[in-house]
Protein backbone atom coordinates (compact mmCIF):
# COMPACT_ATOMS: atom_id res chain seq x y z
CA MET A 1 -119.68 -141.77 8.37
CA ARG A 2 -119.60 -143.36 11.83
CA ARG A 3 -122.13 -140.88 13.29
CA TYR A 4 -124.36 -141.36 10.23
CA LEU A 5 -124.38 -145.12 10.84
CA VAL A 6 -125.19 -144.65 14.53
CA PHE A 7 -128.05 -142.25 13.73
CA SER A 8 -129.36 -144.68 11.11
CA LEU A 9 -129.41 -147.47 13.68
CA LEU A 10 -131.26 -145.29 16.17
CA LEU A 11 -133.84 -144.20 13.60
CA LEU A 12 -134.58 -147.82 12.81
CA ILE A 13 -135.48 -148.51 16.44
CA LEU A 14 -137.15 -145.15 17.17
CA PRO A 15 -140.59 -145.88 18.70
CA ILE A 16 -143.72 -143.85 18.10
CA ASN A 17 -143.75 -142.46 21.66
CA ALA A 18 -140.35 -140.73 21.36
CA LYS A 19 -140.99 -137.06 20.62
CA ALA A 20 -139.29 -135.73 17.52
CA ASP A 21 -138.62 -132.35 19.16
CA GLU A 22 -136.52 -133.78 21.97
CA PRO A 23 -132.84 -132.94 21.42
CA PHE A 24 -131.60 -136.37 22.49
CA TYR A 25 -131.95 -140.01 21.66
CA ILE A 26 -132.19 -142.09 24.83
CA LEU A 27 -131.53 -145.79 24.31
CA ASN A 28 -132.85 -148.38 26.76
CA VAL A 29 -129.93 -150.79 26.57
CA SER A 30 -131.86 -153.86 27.71
CA ASN A 31 -134.45 -153.79 24.92
CA LYS A 32 -132.70 -151.50 22.41
CA LYS A 33 -135.66 -149.11 22.25
CA ILE A 34 -135.53 -145.32 22.19
CA VAL A 35 -137.50 -143.61 24.96
CA SER A 36 -138.50 -140.02 25.67
CA ILE A 37 -137.23 -138.19 28.75
CA LYS A 38 -140.69 -138.51 30.27
CA LYS A 39 -140.69 -142.25 29.67
CA LEU A 40 -137.17 -142.48 31.12
CA VAL A 41 -138.27 -140.75 34.31
CA ASP A 42 -141.31 -143.05 34.50
CA GLU A 43 -138.98 -146.05 34.40
CA LEU A 44 -136.62 -144.59 37.02
CA TYR A 45 -139.22 -143.04 39.32
CA ASP A 46 -138.73 -145.51 42.18
CA ILE A 47 -134.97 -145.97 41.87
CA ASP A 48 -132.90 -144.86 44.89
CA VAL A 49 -129.82 -143.60 43.02
CA VAL A 50 -129.56 -142.58 39.36
CA ILE A 51 -126.05 -142.02 38.03
CA LEU A 52 -125.74 -139.57 35.12
CA GLY A 53 -122.37 -139.81 33.42
CA GLU A 54 -120.74 -137.00 31.48
CA ILE A 55 -117.70 -135.92 29.57
CA HIS A 56 -116.98 -132.82 31.64
CA ASN A 57 -116.45 -130.35 28.79
CA GLU A 58 -119.36 -131.55 26.62
CA LYS A 59 -122.13 -128.97 26.82
CA VAL A 60 -124.81 -131.32 25.47
CA HIS A 61 -124.22 -133.75 28.34
CA HIS A 62 -125.03 -131.04 30.87
CA GLU A 63 -128.07 -130.00 28.85
CA PHE A 64 -129.40 -133.53 29.12
CA GLN A 65 -128.66 -133.62 32.85
CA LEU A 66 -130.67 -130.45 33.34
CA ARG A 67 -133.59 -131.78 31.27
CA PHE A 68 -133.60 -134.98 33.29
CA ILE A 69 -133.47 -133.15 36.63
CA GLU A 70 -136.23 -130.78 35.54
CA GLU A 71 -138.49 -133.64 34.46
CA PHE A 72 -137.75 -135.65 37.59
CA SER A 73 -138.31 -132.73 39.98
CA LYS A 74 -141.69 -131.96 38.36
CA ARG A 75 -143.04 -135.22 39.73
CA LYS A 76 -141.05 -135.86 42.87
CA LYS A 77 -139.75 -132.88 44.80
CA TYR A 78 -137.86 -135.10 47.21
CA ILE A 79 -134.64 -135.42 45.25
CA ALA A 80 -131.02 -134.50 45.91
CA ILE A 81 -128.18 -133.94 43.46
CA ALA A 82 -124.79 -135.45 44.31
CA LEU A 83 -121.81 -133.79 42.65
CA GLU A 84 -118.37 -135.02 41.77
CA MET A 85 -117.71 -131.32 41.13
CA PHE A 86 -117.56 -130.44 44.84
CA ARG A 87 -115.46 -131.93 47.60
CA ARG A 88 -117.14 -133.22 50.72
CA GLU A 89 -115.26 -130.67 52.84
CA ASN A 90 -117.09 -127.86 51.01
CA GLN A 91 -120.61 -129.06 51.79
CA LYS A 92 -121.41 -125.87 53.69
CA VAL A 93 -120.86 -123.83 50.52
CA LEU A 94 -123.46 -125.93 48.70
CA ASP A 95 -125.93 -125.61 51.58
CA ASP A 96 -125.40 -121.85 51.65
CA TRP A 97 -126.08 -121.64 47.93
CA VAL A 98 -129.36 -123.57 48.08
CA PHE A 99 -130.60 -121.53 51.06
CA GLY A 100 -129.47 -118.15 49.69
CA ARG A 101 -126.75 -117.48 52.25
CA ILE A 102 -123.96 -116.86 49.74
CA SER A 103 -123.67 -114.43 46.83
CA LEU A 104 -123.38 -115.59 43.24
CA ASN A 105 -119.85 -114.21 42.95
CA ASP A 106 -118.71 -115.98 46.11
CA PHE A 107 -120.32 -119.23 45.04
CA ILE A 108 -118.65 -119.09 41.63
CA LYS A 109 -115.33 -118.45 43.37
CA ASN A 110 -115.85 -121.55 45.51
CA TYR A 111 -116.94 -123.51 42.44
CA TYR A 112 -113.60 -122.82 40.77
CA GLU A 113 -111.74 -123.81 43.92
CA ASN A 114 -113.38 -127.22 43.52
CA TRP A 115 -113.63 -127.68 39.76
CA THR A 116 -111.69 -126.48 36.72
CA PHE A 117 -114.33 -126.73 33.98
CA PRO A 118 -116.27 -123.57 32.98
CA TRP A 119 -119.05 -122.45 35.30
CA SER A 120 -121.29 -121.90 32.28
CA LEU A 121 -121.48 -125.67 31.69
CA TYR A 122 -123.10 -126.28 35.09
CA SER A 123 -124.70 -122.94 35.99
CA SER A 124 -128.25 -123.85 34.91
CA ILE A 125 -128.18 -126.97 37.10
CA PHE A 126 -127.06 -124.96 40.13
CA PHE A 127 -129.70 -122.28 39.51
CA HIS A 128 -132.41 -124.92 39.15
CA ALA A 129 -131.38 -126.54 42.43
CA LYS A 130 -131.48 -123.19 44.21
CA GLU A 131 -134.85 -122.22 42.75
CA HIS A 132 -136.44 -125.52 43.78
CA ASN A 133 -134.59 -126.00 47.10
CA ILE A 134 -132.99 -129.24 45.92
CA PRO A 135 -130.16 -130.37 48.22
CA LEU A 136 -126.70 -130.46 46.63
CA LEU A 137 -124.16 -132.97 47.94
CA GLY A 138 -120.40 -132.68 47.62
CA VAL A 139 -119.11 -136.25 47.23
CA ASN A 140 -115.58 -135.76 45.91
CA ILE A 141 -112.37 -136.25 47.88
CA PRO A 142 -109.31 -133.97 47.91
CA LYS A 143 -107.39 -134.05 44.64
CA GLU A 144 -104.08 -134.38 46.46
CA ILE A 145 -105.25 -137.68 47.94
CA THR A 146 -106.08 -139.31 44.61
CA GLN A 147 -102.86 -137.96 43.09
CA LYS A 148 -100.80 -139.39 45.94
CA VAL A 149 -102.44 -142.80 45.64
CA ALA A 150 -101.99 -142.81 41.86
CA GLU A 151 -98.28 -142.07 42.28
CA LYS A 152 -97.41 -144.10 45.37
CA GLY A 153 -100.32 -146.38 46.19
CA PHE A 154 -102.97 -146.46 48.91
CA LEU A 155 -100.50 -147.59 51.58
CA SER A 156 -98.59 -144.32 51.17
CA LEU A 157 -101.43 -142.39 52.86
CA THR A 158 -100.79 -141.04 56.33
CA GLN A 159 -103.18 -140.86 59.26
CA LYS A 160 -103.79 -137.21 58.38
CA ASP A 161 -104.72 -138.30 54.85
CA TYR A 162 -107.15 -140.92 56.18
CA GLU A 163 -108.97 -138.21 58.14
CA LYS A 164 -109.93 -136.61 54.82
CA LEU A 165 -111.64 -139.80 53.62
CA PRO A 166 -114.77 -141.69 54.61
CA LYS A 167 -114.27 -143.84 57.70
CA ASP A 168 -112.82 -147.32 57.05
CA VAL A 169 -112.59 -146.87 53.27
CA ARG A 170 -110.11 -149.30 51.70
CA CYS A 171 -108.69 -150.15 48.26
CA ASP A 172 -109.59 -153.74 47.38
CA VAL A 173 -108.91 -153.80 43.64
CA ASP A 174 -110.01 -157.05 42.00
CA GLU A 175 -109.22 -158.39 38.53
CA ASP A 176 -112.58 -157.32 37.08
CA TYR A 177 -111.90 -153.73 38.09
CA LYS A 178 -108.37 -153.87 36.66
CA THR A 179 -109.76 -155.12 33.35
CA PHE A 180 -112.34 -152.33 33.31
CA ILE A 181 -109.79 -149.59 34.06
CA GLY A 182 -107.29 -151.00 31.57
CA LYS A 183 -109.90 -150.96 28.82
CA ILE A 184 -111.24 -147.49 29.54
CA PHE A 185 -107.85 -145.83 29.84
CA ASP A 186 -106.13 -147.91 27.14
CA PHE A 187 -103.57 -149.30 29.55
CA HIS A 188 -101.46 -152.06 28.09
CA LYS A 189 -99.94 -153.95 30.97
CA ASN A 190 -96.89 -154.95 28.93
CA LYS A 191 -96.12 -151.25 28.41
CA VAL A 192 -96.77 -150.05 31.96
CA GLU A 193 -95.06 -151.09 35.15
CA ASN A 194 -97.41 -153.35 37.09
CA LYS A 195 -96.99 -151.20 40.20
CA THR A 196 -97.92 -148.06 38.28
CA PHE A 197 -101.08 -149.69 36.95
CA GLN A 198 -102.00 -151.03 40.40
CA ASN A 199 -101.59 -147.57 41.95
CA PHE A 200 -103.76 -146.00 39.27
CA CYS A 201 -106.50 -148.58 39.86
CA GLU A 202 -106.31 -147.91 43.60
CA ALA A 203 -106.77 -144.18 43.04
CA GLN A 204 -109.80 -144.76 40.83
CA ILE A 205 -111.52 -147.22 43.15
CA LEU A 206 -110.84 -145.00 46.16
CA TRP A 207 -112.66 -142.25 44.26
CA ASP A 208 -115.58 -144.58 43.46
CA LYS A 209 -115.83 -145.94 47.00
CA SER A 210 -115.75 -142.51 48.60
CA MET A 211 -118.54 -141.14 46.41
CA ALA A 212 -120.64 -144.23 47.12
CA HIS A 213 -120.02 -143.88 50.86
CA TYR A 214 -121.07 -140.22 50.97
CA ILE A 215 -124.22 -140.92 48.95
CA LEU A 216 -125.30 -143.72 51.30
CA GLU A 217 -124.43 -141.64 54.34
CA PHE A 218 -126.86 -138.98 53.11
CA ARG A 219 -129.54 -141.58 52.38
CA LYS A 220 -129.45 -142.88 55.95
CA SER A 221 -130.65 -139.55 57.29
CA ASN A 222 -132.75 -138.71 54.22
CA PRO A 223 -134.45 -141.96 53.19
CA ASP A 224 -137.20 -140.09 51.32
CA LYS A 225 -134.74 -138.49 48.88
CA LYS A 226 -134.00 -139.91 45.46
CA ILE A 227 -130.39 -139.12 44.60
CA ILE A 228 -129.11 -138.11 41.17
CA LEU A 229 -125.31 -138.33 40.89
CA LEU A 230 -123.53 -136.18 38.30
CA THR A 231 -120.09 -137.57 37.61
CA GLY A 232 -117.53 -138.27 34.93
CA ALA A 233 -118.34 -141.15 32.60
CA VAL A 234 -115.56 -143.37 33.98
CA HIS A 235 -117.11 -143.25 37.45
CA ALA A 236 -120.59 -143.71 35.95
CA PHE A 237 -120.00 -147.12 34.38
CA LYS A 238 -121.68 -149.93 36.33
CA ASN A 239 -118.24 -151.29 37.30
CA ALA A 240 -117.49 -148.11 39.24
CA VAL A 241 -119.67 -146.16 41.73
CA ALA A 242 -122.75 -148.33 41.10
CA THR A 243 -120.85 -151.49 42.09
CA GLN A 244 -119.50 -149.84 45.23
CA LEU A 245 -123.00 -148.68 46.21
CA LYS A 246 -124.30 -152.25 45.96
CA ARG A 247 -121.35 -153.63 47.92
CA LEU A 248 -121.96 -151.18 50.73
CA ASP A 249 -125.75 -151.64 50.69
CA ASN A 250 -127.15 -154.52 48.66
CA GLY A 251 -130.65 -153.17 49.15
CA VAL A 252 -130.09 -149.88 47.36
CA THR A 253 -131.45 -149.67 43.81
CA VAL A 254 -129.19 -148.04 41.22
CA LYS A 255 -129.51 -147.23 37.52
CA VAL A 256 -126.81 -145.83 35.23
CA ILE A 257 -127.16 -143.45 32.27
CA LEU A 258 -124.08 -142.98 30.09
CA PRO A 259 -123.41 -140.67 27.17
CA GLU A 260 -121.87 -141.98 23.98
CA ILE A 261 -118.08 -141.87 24.31
CA ALA A 262 -116.08 -141.54 21.11
CA LYS A 263 -113.96 -144.61 20.35
CA LYS A 264 -115.08 -146.23 23.61
CA ILE A 265 -118.77 -147.02 23.63
CA ASP A 266 -121.75 -146.48 21.32
CA ALA A 267 -125.12 -148.02 20.42
CA ARG A 268 -123.52 -150.96 18.67
CA SER A 269 -121.14 -151.91 21.46
CA VAL A 270 -122.97 -150.96 24.68
CA THR A 271 -124.30 -153.76 26.90
CA VAL A 272 -126.26 -153.93 30.14
CA SER A 273 -122.99 -154.59 31.96
CA ASP A 274 -121.96 -151.03 31.01
CA CYS A 275 -125.13 -149.05 31.74
CA ASP A 276 -128.92 -149.14 31.68
CA TYR A 277 -129.45 -146.25 29.26
CA MET A 278 -127.30 -144.42 26.74
CA VAL A 279 -127.85 -140.84 25.57
CA TYR A 280 -127.04 -139.46 22.13
CA GLU A 281 -127.23 -135.97 20.70
CA ARG A 282 -129.62 -135.67 17.75
């Protein structure tokens, strides 16, 4: 019943220029109009960083990502794809893949050393990048770092830990971010120790800050590249990586595309403070 109501709402606002054969509804959150993928790319053509959120194990989310990348790369070859799925320390593996210096089997092996979700969900995106010589950027940080911060807090990190992070990155968690994290993860502060919640927020913002730092670092030496970030939906909300990008460089332009998230966000509840566009499966 819920999905029927959402589809009914979308059909009411479906404009003439949205192609019926496209497998997705794409909602422009600011004006509540449905746009085609081509129209979406038109609207985002001059944006510096586009953040595409996903639920990692949802195949349709990756299908949309591929369609978006394909449409974008048709018109502007100077793009790069940033990946939460690869750690920064494994950048050479990504470079070797794009330039044909590593076998498929070896690349898949490295993929699974970085990410646990099935290769089949992302394979078409990696093949497209290789075929079109699109740079791939590893922007994740070591899992043991985020786990340690989540358990013991940012101050528990050692000098050796800091060397695995972007230079001078810090965890300045404000109340707005705490509210955002509490809502997304259903934390109820009266049921969770305040220290536990604080540590979890620090781990999340460290993740957001690090990805933002690595993206901007790449942009400094590649100012002609438009960057498309593929990341989990939590990091894709405007409160997350997008906010950190703007704090590090107020001049960078950023747009966020989120998928519908069951029991969290849909066409009726989404606002421009969450994202700029929302994608639905037909």
